[in-house]
Amino acid sequence: MFVIPIQERKNGVSFCVHVLPRSAKCALAGAQEGALRIKLTAPPVDGKANDECLEFLAGILGVKKGQMDIISGHTSRRKIVQIMNVPREPLENRLSTLLQDKLSGKDGRKDTASGRKA
């Protein structure tokens, strides 16, 4: 079982994300040093990569983008993302499933423009 450390907060949970901007496509790239790694097509300019990060995570985790916020690391590749009103256990299960699927070749990539699986 793959686990990304998830911190419980007053109104939700948070976890660490390592982004790889200017990638060929948006995709889950695995885990690295306690952080979820994701590839983003957006450049790290004017908050574009941050916006795409939240949009991608919302899509693969099944939450609304409005429930999410980057609470640390706005100008860094390593960010802390908070999700409001989401219990820890279901999120841990979802992240574990996504990471297992990534290793087995069923990585759940999404085309962020269309919202369909790639």
N, C-alpha and C. Protein backbone atom coordinates (compact mmCIF):
# COMPACT_ATOMS: atom_id res chain seq x y z
N MET A 1 0.84 -1.19 0.00
CA MET A 1 0.00 0.00 0.00
C MET A 1 0.88 1.24 0.00
N PHE A 2 0.57 2.18 -0.86
CA PHE A 2 1.34 3.41 -0.97
C PHE A 2 0.61 4.50 -0.20
N VAL A 3 1.35 5.21 0.64
CA VAL A 3 0.71 6.22 1.45
C VAL A 3 1.48 7.53 1.33
N ILE A 4 0.76 8.58 1.05
CA ILE A 4 1.29 9.93 1.11
C ILE A 4 0.85 10.46 2.47
N PRO A 5 1.76 10.99 3.28
CA PRO A 5 1.34 11.50 4.59
C PRO A 5 0.27 12.59 4.44
N ILE A 6 -0.83 12.39 5.13
CA ILE A 6 -1.94 13.34 5.09
C ILE A 6 -2.12 13.92 6.48
N GLN A 7 -2.13 15.23 6.56
CA GLN A 7 -2.29 15.92 7.84
C GLN A 7 -3.74 16.33 8.02
N GLU A 8 -4.29 16.05 9.17
CA GLU A 8 -5.64 16.51 9.47
C GLU A 8 -5.56 17.96 9.93
N ARG A 9 -6.46 18.77 9.42
CA ARG A 9 -6.54 20.18 9.78
C ARG A 9 -7.93 20.47 10.32
N LYS A 10 -8.12 21.67 10.78
CA LYS A 10 -9.39 22.04 11.41
C LYS A 10 -10.59 21.76 10.50
N ASN A 11 -10.52 22.14 9.22
CA ASN A 11 -11.66 21.99 8.31
C ASN A 11 -11.39 21.04 7.15
N GLY A 12 -10.39 20.19 7.28
CA GLY A 12 -10.10 19.28 6.19
C GLY A 12 -8.77 18.60 6.37
N VAL A 13 -8.08 18.37 5.26
CA VAL A 13 -6.81 17.66 5.26
C VAL A 13 -5.83 18.36 4.32
N SER A 14 -4.54 18.06 4.50
CA SER A 14 -3.53 18.60 3.60
C SER A 14 -2.48 17.53 3.32
N PHE A 15 -1.80 17.68 2.19
CA PHE A 15 -0.74 16.76 1.81
C PHE A 15 0.22 17.49 0.88
N CYS A 16 1.38 16.89 0.71
CA CYS A 16 2.43 17.51 -0.08
C CYS A 16 2.37 17.03 -1.53
N VAL A 17 2.64 17.96 -2.44
CA VAL A 17 2.64 17.68 -3.87
C VAL A 17 3.94 18.22 -4.46
N HIS A 18 4.56 17.44 -5.33
CA HIS A 18 5.73 17.89 -6.07
C HIS A 18 5.32 17.99 -7.53
N VAL A 19 5.34 19.21 -8.09
CA VAL A 19 4.88 19.41 -9.46
C VAL A 19 6.05 19.47 -10.44
N LEU A 20 5.79 18.98 -11.64
CA LEU A 20 6.75 19.00 -12.74
C LEU A 20 6.13 19.82 -13.87
N PRO A 21 6.31 21.16 -13.84
CA PRO A 21 5.68 22.00 -14.87
C PRO A 21 6.32 21.80 -16.23
N ARG A 22 5.61 22.30 -17.25
CA ARG A 22 6.05 22.23 -18.64
C ARG A 22 6.28 20.80 -19.12
N SER A 23 5.48 19.88 -18.63
CA SER A 23 5.54 18.49 -19.09
C SER A 23 4.72 18.35 -20.37
N ALA A 24 4.88 17.24 -21.05
CA ALA A 24 4.16 17.01 -22.30
C ALA A 24 2.65 16.86 -22.07
N LYS A 25 2.26 16.29 -20.91
CA LYS A 25 0.84 16.13 -20.59
C LYS A 25 0.67 16.12 -19.08
N CYS A 26 -0.55 16.38 -18.65
CA CYS A 26 -0.87 16.31 -17.23
C CYS A 26 -1.06 14.85 -16.85
N ALA A 27 -0.36 14.43 -15.81
CA ALA A 27 -0.46 13.04 -15.39
C ALA A 27 0.09 12.86 -13.99
N LEU A 28 -0.39 11.84 -13.34
CA LEU A 28 0.16 11.41 -12.07
C LEU A 28 1.51 10.77 -12.36
N ALA A 29 2.55 11.19 -11.65
CA ALA A 29 3.89 10.67 -11.91
C ALA A 29 4.41 9.79 -10.78
N GLY A 30 3.59 9.51 -9.77
CA GLY A 30 4.02 8.65 -8.68
C GLY A 30 4.16 9.41 -7.38
N ALA A 31 5.09 8.94 -6.56
CA ALA A 31 5.35 9.57 -5.26
C ALA A 31 6.85 9.74 -5.09
N GLN A 32 7.23 10.77 -4.36
CA GLN A 32 8.65 11.05 -4.13
C GLN A 32 8.78 11.73 -2.78
N GLU A 33 9.55 11.13 -1.88
CA GLU A 33 9.86 11.73 -0.58
C GLU A 33 8.62 12.26 0.13
N GLY A 34 7.58 11.44 0.20
CA GLY A 34 6.37 11.81 0.92
C GLY A 34 5.45 12.78 0.19
N ALA A 35 5.69 12.99 -1.08
CA ALA A 35 4.86 13.91 -1.86
C ALA A 35 4.29 13.21 -3.09
N LEU A 36 3.09 13.59 -3.46
CA LEU A 36 2.47 13.12 -4.69
C LEU A 36 3.11 13.88 -5.84
N ARG A 37 3.65 13.18 -6.84
CA ARG A 37 4.28 13.84 -7.98
C ARG A 37 3.28 13.92 -9.12
N ILE A 38 3.11 15.12 -9.67
CA ILE A 38 2.24 15.27 -10.83
C ILE A 38 2.93 16.09 -11.91
N LYS A 39 2.69 15.68 -13.14
CA LYS A 39 3.19 16.40 -14.30
C LYS A 39 2.12 17.39 -14.75
N LEU A 40 2.54 18.60 -15.06
CA LEU A 40 1.64 19.64 -15.52
C LEU A 40 2.15 20.21 -16.83
N THR A 41 1.24 20.59 -17.71
CA THR A 41 1.66 21.19 -18.98
C THR A 41 1.91 22.69 -18.84
N ALA A 42 1.30 23.32 -17.87
CA ALA A 42 1.41 24.77 -17.69
C ALA A 42 2.81 25.17 -17.22
N PRO A 43 3.27 26.34 -17.63
CA PRO A 43 4.54 26.85 -17.14
C PRO A 43 4.35 27.45 -15.74
N PRO A 44 5.43 27.53 -14.96
CA PRO A 44 5.33 28.13 -13.63
C PRO A 44 5.38 29.65 -13.69
N VAL A 45 4.43 30.23 -14.40
CA VAL A 45 4.38 31.68 -14.61
C VAL A 45 2.99 32.19 -14.27
N ASP A 46 2.92 33.27 -13.51
CA ASP A 46 1.65 33.93 -13.18
C ASP A 46 0.61 32.99 -12.56
N GLY A 47 1.06 32.00 -11.81
CA GLY A 47 0.14 31.10 -11.13
C GLY A 47 -0.52 30.06 -12.02
N LYS A 48 -0.09 29.97 -13.29
CA LYS A 48 -0.72 29.02 -14.21
C LYS A 48 -0.52 27.57 -13.77
N ALA A 49 0.69 27.24 -13.33
CA ALA A 49 0.94 25.86 -12.88
C ALA A 49 0.16 25.57 -11.60
N ASN A 50 0.04 26.54 -10.71
CA ASN A 50 -0.74 26.35 -9.48
C ASN A 50 -2.20 26.08 -9.80
N ASP A 51 -2.76 26.85 -10.72
CA ASP A 51 -4.16 26.64 -11.12
C ASP A 51 -4.35 25.26 -11.73
N GLU A 52 -3.44 24.88 -12.63
CA GLU A 52 -3.56 23.58 -13.27
C GLU A 52 -3.37 22.45 -12.25
N CYS A 53 -2.49 22.66 -11.28
CA CYS A 53 -2.28 21.67 -10.22
C CYS A 53 -3.58 21.40 -9.48
N LEU A 54 -4.28 22.45 -9.06
CA LEU A 54 -5.54 22.29 -8.34
C LEU A 54 -6.61 21.66 -9.22
N GLU A 55 -6.66 22.07 -10.47
CA GLU A 55 -7.65 21.52 -11.40
C GLU A 55 -7.41 20.02 -11.63
N PHE A 56 -6.16 19.64 -11.82
CA PHE A 56 -5.82 18.24 -12.05
C PHE A 56 -6.14 17.40 -10.81
N LEU A 57 -5.70 17.88 -9.64
CA LEU A 57 -5.96 17.14 -8.41
C LEU A 57 -7.46 17.00 -8.14
N ALA A 58 -8.21 18.06 -8.37
CA ALA A 58 -9.66 17.99 -8.17
C ALA A 58 -10.26 16.90 -9.06
N GLY A 59 -9.79 16.81 -10.28
CA GLY A 59 -10.31 15.81 -11.22
C GLY A 59 -9.99 14.39 -10.81
N ILE A 60 -8.75 14.12 -10.41
CA ILE A 60 -8.40 12.74 -10.07
C ILE A 60 -8.88 12.33 -8.68
N LEU A 61 -9.10 13.32 -7.81
CA LEU A 61 -9.56 12.99 -6.45
C LEU A 61 -11.07 13.07 -6.30
N GLY A 62 -11.75 13.61 -7.31
CA GLY A 62 -13.20 13.68 -7.26
C GLY A 62 -13.75 14.71 -6.29
N VAL A 63 -13.05 15.84 -6.17
CA VAL A 63 -13.53 16.94 -5.33
C VAL A 63 -13.65 18.19 -6.19
N LYS A 64 -14.32 19.20 -5.67
CA LYS A 64 -14.44 20.46 -6.40
C LYS A 64 -13.18 21.29 -6.22
N LYS A 65 -12.78 21.97 -7.27
CA LYS A 65 -11.59 22.81 -7.21
C LYS A 65 -11.74 23.88 -6.13
N GLY A 66 -12.96 24.34 -5.90
CA GLY A 66 -13.21 25.36 -4.88
C GLY A 66 -12.97 24.88 -3.46
N GLN A 67 -12.91 23.57 -3.26
CA GLN A 67 -12.62 23.00 -1.94
C GLN A 67 -11.12 22.98 -1.66
N MET A 68 -10.32 23.28 -2.68
CA MET A 68 -8.87 23.12 -2.57
C MET A 68 -8.15 24.46 -2.56
N ASP A 69 -6.98 24.43 -1.91
CA ASP A 69 -6.14 25.62 -1.89
C ASP A 69 -4.70 25.19 -1.69
N ILE A 70 -3.78 25.95 -2.26
CA ILE A 70 -2.36 25.75 -2.00
C ILE A 70 -2.04 26.64 -0.81
N ILE A 71 -1.64 26.02 0.30
CA ILE A 71 -1.40 26.81 1.52
C ILE A 71 0.08 27.09 1.74
N SER A 72 0.93 26.45 0.96
CA SER A 72 2.37 26.69 1.07
C SER A 72 3.03 26.27 -0.24
N GLY A 73 4.06 27.01 -0.63
CA GLY A 73 4.83 26.65 -1.82
C GLY A 73 4.32 27.24 -3.11
N HIS A 74 3.70 28.40 -3.06
CA HIS A 74 3.15 29.02 -4.28
C HIS A 74 4.19 29.22 -5.38
N THR A 75 5.44 29.45 -5.01
CA THR A 75 6.48 29.68 -6.02
C THR A 75 7.50 28.55 -6.04
N SER A 76 7.15 27.42 -5.47
CA SER A 76 8.04 26.27 -5.40
C SER A 76 7.42 25.08 -6.12
N ARG A 77 8.24 24.11 -6.48
CA ARG A 77 7.71 22.88 -7.06
C ARG A 77 7.05 22.02 -5.99
N ARG A 78 7.48 22.18 -4.76
CA ARG A 78 6.92 21.42 -3.64
C ARG A 78 5.88 22.29 -2.96
N LYS A 79 4.65 21.79 -2.91
CA LYS A 79 3.52 22.56 -2.40
C LYS A 79 2.77 21.76 -1.34
N ILE A 80 2.07 22.46 -0.49
CA ILE A 80 1.15 21.81 0.43
C ILE A 80 -0.25 22.22 -0.01
N VAL A 81 -1.05 21.21 -0.33
CA VAL A 81 -2.41 21.42 -0.81
C VAL A 81 -3.38 21.05 0.31
N GLN A 82 -4.34 21.92 0.54
CA GLN A 82 -5.38 21.65 1.53
C GLN A 82 -6.70 21.40 0.82
N ILE A 83 -7.43 20.40 1.30
CA ILE A 83 -8.77 20.11 0.79
C ILE A 83 -9.74 20.26 1.95
N MET A 84 -10.71 21.13 1.77
CA MET A 84 -11.68 21.40 2.82
C MET A 84 -12.80 20.36 2.80
N ASN A 85 -13.29 20.03 4.00
CA ASN A 85 -14.46 19.17 4.18
C ASN A 85 -14.31 17.79 3.55
N VAL A 86 -13.11 17.24 3.62
CA VAL A 86 -12.86 15.89 3.12
C VAL A 86 -12.22 15.09 4.26
N PRO A 87 -12.79 13.93 4.60
CA PRO A 87 -12.19 13.11 5.65
C PRO A 87 -10.88 12.48 5.20
N ARG A 88 -10.02 12.22 6.14
CA ARG A 88 -8.68 11.69 5.85
C ARG A 88 -8.73 10.29 5.22
N GLU A 89 -9.47 9.37 5.80
CA GLU A 89 -9.42 7.98 5.36
C GLU A 89 -9.83 7.78 3.90
N PRO A 90 -10.94 8.35 3.43
CA PRO A 90 -11.28 8.17 2.01
C PRO A 90 -10.22 8.77 1.08
N LEU A 91 -9.61 9.87 1.49
CA LEU A 91 -8.56 10.47 0.66
C LEU A 91 -7.34 9.57 0.62
N GLU A 92 -6.95 9.01 1.76
CA GLU A 92 -5.83 8.07 1.79
C GLU A 92 -6.10 6.88 0.87
N ASN A 93 -7.31 6.34 0.94
CA ASN A 93 -7.67 5.20 0.08
C ASN A 93 -7.59 5.57 -1.39
N ARG A 94 -8.10 6.76 -1.73
CA ARG A 94 -8.09 7.20 -3.14
C ARG A 94 -6.65 7.39 -3.63
N LEU A 95 -5.81 8.04 -2.83
CA LEU A 95 -4.42 8.24 -3.23
C LEU A 95 -3.69 6.91 -3.37
N SER A 96 -3.93 5.99 -2.46
CA SER A 96 -3.31 4.68 -2.54
C SER A 96 -3.72 3.95 -3.82
N THR A 97 -5.01 4.01 -4.15
CA THR A 97 -5.51 3.37 -5.37
C THR A 97 -4.88 4.01 -6.60
N LEU A 98 -4.81 5.33 -6.63
CA LEU A 98 -4.20 6.02 -7.78
C LEU A 98 -2.74 5.63 -7.96
N LEU A 99 -2.00 5.55 -6.87
CA LEU A 99 -0.59 5.19 -6.96
C LEU A 99 -0.40 3.74 -7.37
N GLN A 100 -1.24 2.85 -6.87
CA GLN A 100 -1.18 1.44 -7.28
C GLN A 100 -1.51 1.31 -8.77
N ASP A 101 -2.53 2.04 -9.22
CA ASP A 101 -2.89 2.02 -10.64
C ASP A 101 -1.74 2.56 -11.50
N LYS A 102 -1.06 3.57 -11.01
CA LYS A 102 0.07 4.14 -11.74
C LYS A 102 1.15 3.08 -11.95
N LEU A 103 1.45 2.32 -10.90
CA LEU A 103 2.47 1.29 -11.00
C LEU A 103 2.05 0.14 -11.90
N SER A 104 0.75 -0.13 -11.94
CA SER A 104 0.27 -1.24 -12.77
C SER A 104 -0.05 -0.81 -14.20
N GLY A 105 0.17 0.47 -14.51
CA GLY A 105 -0.06 0.95 -15.87
C GLY A 105 -1.44 1.53 -16.11
N LYS A 106 -2.29 1.53 -15.10
CA LYS A 106 -3.63 2.14 -15.21
C LYS A 106 -3.60 3.44 -14.43
N ASP A 107 -2.93 4.46 -14.96
CA ASP A 107 -2.64 5.64 -14.15
C ASP A 107 -3.72 6.71 -14.11
N GLY A 108 -4.84 6.53 -14.76
CA GLY A 108 -5.95 7.47 -14.62
C GLY A 108 -5.65 8.86 -15.12
N ARG A 109 -4.79 8.98 -16.12
CA ARG A 109 -4.50 10.31 -16.66
C ARG A 109 -5.75 10.92 -17.23
N LYS A 110 -5.83 12.23 -17.10
CA LYS A 110 -6.97 12.95 -17.66
C LYS A 110 -6.47 14.04 -18.58
N ASP A 111 -7.18 14.23 -19.64
CA ASP A 111 -6.95 15.37 -20.51
C ASP A 111 -7.70 16.51 -19.85
N THR A 112 -6.96 17.48 -19.28
CA THR A 112 -7.62 18.53 -18.51
C THR A 112 -8.49 19.43 -19.38
N ALA A 113 -8.22 19.48 -20.66
CA ALA A 113 -9.04 20.32 -21.53
C ALA A 113 -10.43 19.74 -21.72
N SER A 114 -10.51 18.41 -21.85
CA SER A 114 -11.80 17.80 -22.11
C SER A 114 -12.39 17.12 -20.88
N GLY A 115 -11.53 16.82 -19.87
CA GLY A 115 -12.01 16.13 -18.69
C GLY A 115 -12.16 14.63 -18.89
N ARG A 116 -11.76 14.13 -20.08
CA ARG A 116 -11.87 12.69 -20.38
C ARG A 116 -10.55 12.01 -20.07
N LYS A 117 -10.64 10.72 -19.80
CA LYS A 117 -9.42 9.95 -19.58
C LYS A 117 -8.63 9.88 -20.88
N ALA A 118 -7.33 10.01 -20.76
CA ALA A 118 -6.45 9.97 -21.94
C ALA A 118 -6.11 8.55 -22.31
